[in-house]
Amino acid sequence: MLGAGGVVGQAYQAGVLAALEREARWDPRDADIIVGTSAGSVTGAALRVGVPATDLAATTYGVPTSRRGGALLERILPPDAGPLPVPSVRSLLRPWNPPSPALITRVARRPLAFRPDVAFVTMLPKGQVDITDRARALDEFIGDAWPKGLRICAIRRSDGARVVFGREGAPTAKLAQAVLASCAIPSYFAPVTIDGKEYVDGGVHSVTNADVLKNEGLDIVVVVSSMSAAHGNAHGPDGFLRRSVHNRMEREITRLEQNGAAVIRLEPGGESRRVMGLRAMAEDRGPRVIEAAYEETRVRIRSIPFIASLGEPDRATAAV
């Protein structure tokens, strides 16, 4: 599971996954299923097209990559994308949407599943920043093909329902479309239209969405959650958010464990949280975040009793 977290979250994921590859000697690309949400959809797509985790860290850190990994990154990363514009408070003052008929119908059919926070997001004004160009290279590289074992979470804007692209029964989408949809922060980035429906950031439903794997019969699930805090222990300005994300993740993990999966939780410790700061889209923190995430994961690996079984042939059902 690769959760949301913006640019800083991607750096955290790169550091964690590089540590798993080097220190635990497990290649995340070998996971049977990769689930990505928002920032995690970018990381997951890169892994599935063949980029090693160490090269994801290297390119963010600004050091040379492997020849193959570097060639793949050149094919899928946007050239000269430039920094993203900072959203203004004025953007939230645009007219909001009334509850849609689809939302009202969904609530009437499943009142116990009603989520006020998700319903709130469906009524926000549309985002205006178009990020389509940032996935153009990926689209040109992979086209209509869908990598095996990749799931990408997004939210249908009309009613707030979670959609897992790549899973059986989900709408057909190009990989680039699904990644864009999963990353479309509500009221900031423009929604992404797929098969006539608008979609926004999958983190609206859950930052981790770990429960989408509850019926997959997996032996081991690795959850990388950049927006929570190790053991739910976080204070400061972002403490409430990180504790909330951790608590929701734990509820999702409980469902996985009830179905027999062993779960490895990898969340930012104190040093990672310090260098990550409060701005998820800060593009100048990557190297420090990677260093902290790598070191914390290296130490954490020593205390996970079943970490070595990730690479065993009969444990080939691990998911990240």
Protein backbone atom coordinates (compact mmCIF):
# COMPACT_ATOMS: atom_id res chain seq x y z
CA MET A 1 0.00 0.00 0.00
CA LEU A 2 1.44 3.34 -1.05
CA GLY A 3 -0.52 6.18 0.49
CA ALA A 4 -1.10 9.84 -0.23
CA GLY A 5 1.28 12.59 0.80
CA GLY A 6 2.15 14.94 -2.04
CA VAL A 7 5.68 15.54 -3.28
CA VAL A 8 7.09 15.08 0.22
CA GLY A 9 5.18 11.81 0.56
CA GLN A 10 6.72 10.53 -2.66
CA ALA A 11 10.17 11.23 -1.26
CA TYR A 12 9.29 9.37 1.93
CA GLN A 13 8.07 6.39 -0.09
CA ALA A 14 11.25 6.41 -2.17
CA GLY A 15 13.40 6.30 0.97
CA VAL A 16 11.37 3.50 2.57
CA LEU A 17 11.25 1.36 -0.57
CA ALA A 18 14.96 1.84 -1.25
CA ALA A 19 15.69 0.59 2.27
CA LEU A 20 13.50 -2.46 1.72
CA GLU A 21 15.36 -3.18 -1.51
CA ARG A 22 18.85 -2.75 -0.09
CA GLU A 23 18.56 -3.70 3.57
CA ALA A 24 15.79 -6.34 3.47
CA ARG A 25 16.84 -7.52 0.00
CA TRP A 26 13.26 -7.43 -1.22
CA ASP A 27 12.44 -5.74 -4.51
CA PRO A 28 9.08 -3.90 -4.20
CA ARG A 29 8.53 -4.52 -7.90
CA ASP A 30 8.06 -8.21 -7.01
CA ALA A 31 4.85 -7.53 -5.07
CA ASP A 32 1.88 -9.37 -6.54
CA ILE A 33 -0.34 -6.33 -6.03
CA ILE A 34 0.61 -2.68 -5.66
CA VAL A 35 -2.07 -0.26 -4.48
CA GLY A 36 -1.42 3.46 -4.89
CA THR A 37 -3.36 6.45 -3.66
CA SER A 38 -2.56 9.98 -4.84
CA ALA A 39 1.23 10.35 -4.49
CA GLY A 40 1.36 6.58 -4.06
CA SER A 41 -0.23 6.10 -7.47
CA VAL A 42 2.78 7.84 -9.05
CA THR A 43 5.22 5.66 -7.10
CA GLY A 44 3.21 2.53 -7.81
CA ALA A 45 3.01 3.23 -11.54
CA ALA A 46 6.77 3.81 -11.70
CA LEU A 47 7.45 0.50 -9.93
CA ARG A 48 5.08 -1.36 -12.21
CA VAL A 49 6.66 -0.07 -15.41
CA GLY A 50 10.00 -1.33 -14.09
CA VAL A 51 11.76 1.49 -12.20
CA PRO A 52 13.73 0.14 -9.20
CA ALA A 53 12.99 1.71 -5.82
CA THR A 54 16.64 2.74 -5.49
CA ASP A 55 16.34 4.71 -8.72
CA LEU A 56 13.22 6.49 -7.46
CA ALA A 57 15.31 7.59 -4.49
CA ALA A 58 18.31 8.46 -6.64
CA THR A 59 16.43 10.70 -9.06
CA THR A 60 14.77 12.57 -6.18
CA TYR A 61 18.10 12.84 -4.40
CA GLY A 62 19.80 14.13 -7.53
CA VAL A 63 22.38 11.38 -7.98
CA PRO A 64 22.95 9.05 -10.96
CA THR A 65 20.48 6.22 -11.47
CA SER A 66 21.04 2.82 -13.02
CA ARG A 67 21.13 2.84 -16.80
CA ARG A 68 17.82 0.97 -17.20
CA GLY A 69 16.03 2.79 -14.40
CA GLY A 70 17.24 6.16 -15.63
CA ALA A 71 16.06 5.41 -19.16
CA LEU A 72 12.61 4.47 -17.88
CA LEU A 73 12.36 7.59 -15.74
CA GLU A 74 13.24 9.74 -18.75
CA ARG A 75 10.39 8.08 -20.64
CA ILE A 76 7.70 8.57 -17.97
CA LEU A 77 8.60 11.74 -16.06
CA PRO A 78 7.36 15.12 -17.34
CA PRO A 79 10.17 17.18 -18.91
CA ASP A 80 10.64 20.64 -17.36
CA ALA A 81 7.31 20.53 -15.54
CA GLY A 82 8.22 23.41 -13.26
CA PRO A 83 6.83 24.06 -9.77
CA LEU A 84 3.13 23.75 -9.13
CA PRO A 85 1.23 26.96 -8.40
CA VAL A 86 0.29 27.59 -4.78
CA PRO A 87 -3.49 27.46 -4.24
CA SER A 88 -5.05 30.65 -2.94
CA VAL A 89 -7.79 31.14 -0.37
CA ARG A 90 -9.76 32.91 -3.11
CA SER A 91 -10.07 29.61 -4.97
CA LEU A 92 -12.24 28.27 -2.14
CA LEU A 93 -14.51 31.31 -2.30
CA ARG A 94 -15.84 30.35 -5.72
CA PRO A 95 -19.43 29.02 -5.77
CA TRP A 96 -19.83 25.64 -4.12
CA ASN A 97 -21.99 22.85 -5.50
CA PRO A 98 -25.23 21.72 -3.85
CA PRO A 99 -25.44 18.01 -2.92
CA SER A 100 -25.77 16.09 -6.18
CA PRO A 101 -28.65 13.69 -6.89
CA ALA A 102 -26.06 10.89 -7.07
CA LEU A 103 -24.79 11.73 -3.58
CA ILE A 104 -28.31 11.91 -2.14
CA THR A 105 -29.21 8.56 -3.73
CA ARG A 106 -26.05 6.92 -2.42
CA VAL A 107 -26.69 8.17 1.12
CA ALA A 108 -30.31 6.99 0.97
CA ARG A 109 -29.22 3.51 -0.12
CA ARG A 110 -26.37 3.21 2.38
CA PRO A 111 -27.01 5.61 5.25
CA LEU A 112 -24.62 3.82 7.61
CA ALA A 113 -21.78 4.37 5.14
CA PHE A 114 -22.36 8.14 5.04
CA ARG A 115 -19.11 10.09 5.43
CA PRO A 116 -19.66 13.83 6.07
CA ASP A 117 -16.04 14.60 5.14
CA VAL A 118 -16.39 12.87 1.76
CA ALA A 119 -19.79 14.50 1.11
CA PHE A 120 -18.20 17.87 1.90
CA VAL A 121 -15.52 17.32 -0.73
CA THR A 122 -18.10 16.57 -3.45
CA MET A 123 -19.54 20.05 -2.93
CA LEU A 124 -16.26 21.95 -3.20
CA PRO A 125 -15.76 24.12 -6.30
CA LYS A 126 -13.84 22.46 -9.10
CA GLY A 127 -10.09 22.78 -9.06
CA GLN A 128 -8.62 24.88 -11.86
CA VAL A 129 -5.00 23.72 -12.10
CA ASP A 130 -4.70 21.30 -15.02
CA ILE A 131 -1.96 18.72 -14.42
CA THR A 132 -2.58 16.70 -17.58
CA ASP A 133 0.84 17.57 -19.02
CA ARG A 134 2.55 15.92 -16.05
CA ALA A 135 1.27 12.51 -17.17
CA ARG A 136 1.66 13.00 -20.91
CA ALA A 137 5.00 11.19 -21.05
CA LEU A 138 3.61 8.24 -19.10
CA ASP A 139 0.62 8.11 -21.43
CA GLU A 140 2.84 8.14 -24.51
CA PHE A 141 5.01 5.40 -23.01
CA ILE A 142 2.34 2.92 -21.86
CA GLY A 143 -0.79 3.98 -23.75
CA ASP A 144 -3.79 1.69 -23.22
CA ALA A 145 -1.81 -1.06 -21.49
CA TRP A 146 -2.48 -1.64 -17.79
CA PRO A 147 0.33 -3.12 -15.66
CA LYS A 148 -0.54 -6.42 -14.04
CA GLY A 149 -1.36 -6.24 -10.35
CA LEU A 150 -1.66 -2.46 -10.09
CA ARG A 151 -4.60 -0.83 -8.30
CA ILE A 152 -5.14 2.93 -8.20
CA CYS A 153 -7.69 4.56 -5.89
CA ALA A 154 -9.74 7.62 -6.80
CA ILE A 155 -13.06 9.17 -5.77
CA ARG A 156 -16.03 9.69 -8.07
CA ARG A 157 -16.81 13.37 -7.67
CA SER A 158 -20.57 13.08 -8.15
CA ASP A 159 -21.24 10.88 -5.12
CA GLY A 160 -17.94 10.40 -3.27
CA ALA A 161 -17.73 6.67 -4.00
CA ARG A 162 -14.27 5.11 -4.03
CA VAL A 163 -13.26 3.53 -7.32
CA VAL A 164 -10.25 1.21 -7.57
CA PHE A 165 -8.94 1.34 -11.12
CA GLY A 166 -7.29 -1.88 -12.24
CA ARG A 167 -9.58 -4.02 -10.11
CA GLU A 168 -12.19 -6.27 -11.70
CA GLY A 169 -15.42 -4.39 -12.28
CA ALA A 170 -13.85 -0.92 -12.25
CA PRO A 171 -14.30 1.46 -15.21
CA THR A 172 -11.76 1.04 -17.98
CA ALA A 173 -9.10 3.75 -17.83
CA LYS A 174 -5.69 4.50 -19.20
CA LEU A 175 -2.94 4.32 -16.60
CA ALA A 176 -2.12 8.01 -17.03
CA GLN A 177 -5.79 8.94 -16.52
CA ALA A 178 -6.05 6.89 -13.33
CA VAL A 179 -2.87 8.40 -11.89
CA LEU A 180 -4.07 11.91 -12.67
CA ALA A 181 -7.46 11.19 -11.11
CA SER A 182 -5.90 9.75 -7.97
CA CYS A 183 -3.73 12.88 -7.62
CA ALA A 184 -6.45 15.46 -8.35
CA ILE A 185 -6.58 17.31 -5.02
CA PRO A 186 -10.15 18.65 -4.71
CA SER A 187 -10.63 22.36 -5.44
CA TYR A 188 -6.93 22.62 -6.42
CA PHE A 189 -6.32 20.32 -9.38
CA ALA A 190 -8.97 19.97 -12.06
CA PRO A 191 -11.04 16.76 -11.84
CA VAL A 192 -10.19 14.04 -14.35
CA THR A 193 -12.95 12.72 -16.59
CA ILE A 194 -12.98 8.96 -17.23
CA ASP A 195 -15.82 7.33 -19.14
CA GLY A 196 -18.00 10.41 -18.66
CA LYS A 197 -17.48 10.66 -14.87
CA GLU A 198 -15.28 13.10 -12.95
CA TYR A 199 -12.77 11.77 -10.43
CA VAL A 200 -10.64 13.35 -7.73
CA ASP A 201 -7.95 12.39 -5.20
CA GLY A 202 -8.32 8.90 -3.73
CA GLY A 203 -7.02 10.21 -0.41
CA VAL A 204 -10.43 11.79 0.15
CA HIS A 205 -11.79 8.36 1.11
CA SER A 206 -8.65 7.18 2.90
CA VAL A 207 -5.01 8.22 2.84
CA THR A 208 -3.98 4.55 2.73
CA ASN A 209 -6.99 2.58 1.39
CA ALA A 210 -5.43 -0.58 2.80
CA ASP A 211 -8.80 -2.28 3.09
CA VAL A 212 -9.10 -2.70 -0.69
CA LEU A 213 -6.90 -5.78 -0.23
CA LYS A 214 -9.00 -7.48 2.45
CA ASN A 215 -10.38 -10.14 0.09
CA GLU A 216 -7.20 -10.79 -1.91
CA GLY A 217 -5.95 -13.68 0.27
CA LEU A 218 -2.51 -12.14 0.74
CA ASP A 219 0.13 -13.51 3.11
CA ILE A 220 1.97 -10.24 3.75
CA VAL A 221 0.94 -6.63 3.19
CA VAL A 222 3.40 -3.75 3.40
CA VAL A 223 1.74 -0.41 4.19
CA VAL A 224 3.78 2.75 3.57
CA SER A 225 1.92 5.69 5.07
CA SER A 226 3.70 9.02 4.83
CA MET A 227 0.89 11.14 6.31
CA SER A 228 0.53 9.28 9.61
CA ALA A 229 2.99 8.82 12.47
CA ALA A 230 4.73 5.76 13.87
CA HIS A 231 2.56 4.29 16.65
CA GLY A 232 0.18 7.24 16.20
CA ASN A 233 2.55 9.32 18.33
CA ALA A 234 2.54 12.83 16.87
CA HIS A 235 2.21 16.32 18.31
CA GLY A 236 2.58 19.81 16.92
CA PRO A 237 0.52 21.55 14.22
CA ASP A 238 0.01 18.38 12.18
CA GLY A 239 -0.39 16.05 15.15
CA PHE A 240 -4.16 15.69 14.93
CA LEU A 241 -4.05 14.91 11.20
CA ARG A 242 -1.29 12.33 11.59
CA ARG A 243 -3.03 10.61 14.50
CA SER A 244 -6.30 10.54 12.56
CA VAL A 245 -4.62 8.98 9.51
CA HIS A 246 -2.87 6.43 11.73
CA ASN A 247 -6.12 5.46 13.44
CA ARG A 248 -7.98 4.97 10.16
CA MET A 249 -5.07 2.96 8.81
CA GLU A 250 -5.16 0.72 11.91
CA ARG A 251 -8.86 0.03 11.36
CA GLU A 252 -8.12 -0.96 7.76
CA ILE A 253 -5.22 -3.14 8.87
CA THR A 254 -7.46 -4.91 11.39
CA ARG A 255 -9.64 -6.05 8.48
CA LEU A 256 -6.59 -7.39 6.67
CA GLU A 257 -5.34 -9.22 9.74
CA GLN A 258 -8.77 -10.73 10.37
CA ASN A 259 -8.47 -12.27 6.90
CA GLY A 260 -5.09 -13.81 7.73
CA ALA A 261 -2.59 -11.27 6.36
CA ALA A 262 0.55 -10.29 8.25
CA VAL A 263 0.95 -6.51 7.97
CA ILE A 264 4.15 -4.47 8.02
CA ARG A 265 3.47 -0.84 8.94
CA LEU A 266 6.02 1.76 7.86
CA GLU A 267 5.23 5.30 9.06
CA PRO A 268 7.35 8.41 9.65
CA GLY A 269 9.17 8.58 12.95
CA GLY A 270 10.23 11.78 14.66
CA GLU A 271 13.13 12.67 12.38
CA SER A 272 11.20 11.98 9.18
CA ARG A 273 8.31 14.12 10.38
CA ARG A 274 10.69 16.93 11.30
CA VAL A 275 12.28 17.11 7.85
CA MET A 276 8.97 16.56 6.04
CA GLY A 277 7.52 19.70 7.58
CA LEU A 278 3.97 20.87 7.05
CA ARG A 279 3.86 21.47 3.28
CA ALA A 280 3.12 18.29 1.37
CA MET A 281 3.95 19.93 -1.97
CA ALA A 282 7.33 21.36 -0.89
CA GLU A 283 9.75 20.37 -3.64
CA ASP A 284 12.98 21.26 -1.82
CA ARG A 285 12.86 18.65 0.96
CA GLY A 286 13.33 15.46 -1.05
CA PRO A 287 16.95 14.56 -0.19
CA ARG A 288 16.52 15.10 3.56
CA VAL A 289 13.25 13.17 3.61
CA ILE A 290 14.81 10.26 1.72
CA GLU A 291 17.74 10.10 4.15
CA ALA A 292 15.49 10.10 7.22
CA ALA A 293 13.02 7.59 5.75
CA TYR A 294 15.82 5.24 4.70
CA GLU A 295 17.50 5.30 8.11
CA GLU A 296 14.27 4.85 10.06
CA THR A 297 13.28 1.94 7.83
CA ARG A 298 16.72 0.35 8.11
CA VAL A 299 16.37 0.32 11.89
CA ARG A 300 12.73 -0.75 11.77
CA ILE A 301 13.52 -3.77 9.59
CA ARG A 302 15.52 -5.33 12.44
CA SER A 303 12.41 -5.60 14.62
CA ILE A 304 10.06 -7.15 12.04
CA PRO A 305 10.18 -10.92 12.56
CA PHE A 306 8.72 -11.92 9.20
CA ILE A 307 10.49 -9.33 7.03
CA ALA A 308 12.85 -11.98 5.63
CA SER A 309 9.92 -14.02 4.32
CA LEU A 310 8.99 -11.27 1.84
CA GLY A 311 11.36 -12.72 -0.71
CA GLU A 312 10.51 -16.39 -0.20
CA PRO A 313 8.89 -18.15 -3.18
CA ASP A 314 5.96 -19.43 -1.10
CA ARG A 315 5.34 -15.91 0.18
CA ALA A 316 4.88 -14.40 -3.24
CA THR A 317 1.59 -12.80 -2.28
CA ALA A 318 3.07 -9.74 -0.63
CA ALA A 319 1.54 -6.40 -1.55
CA VAL A 320 2.95 -2.93 -1.09
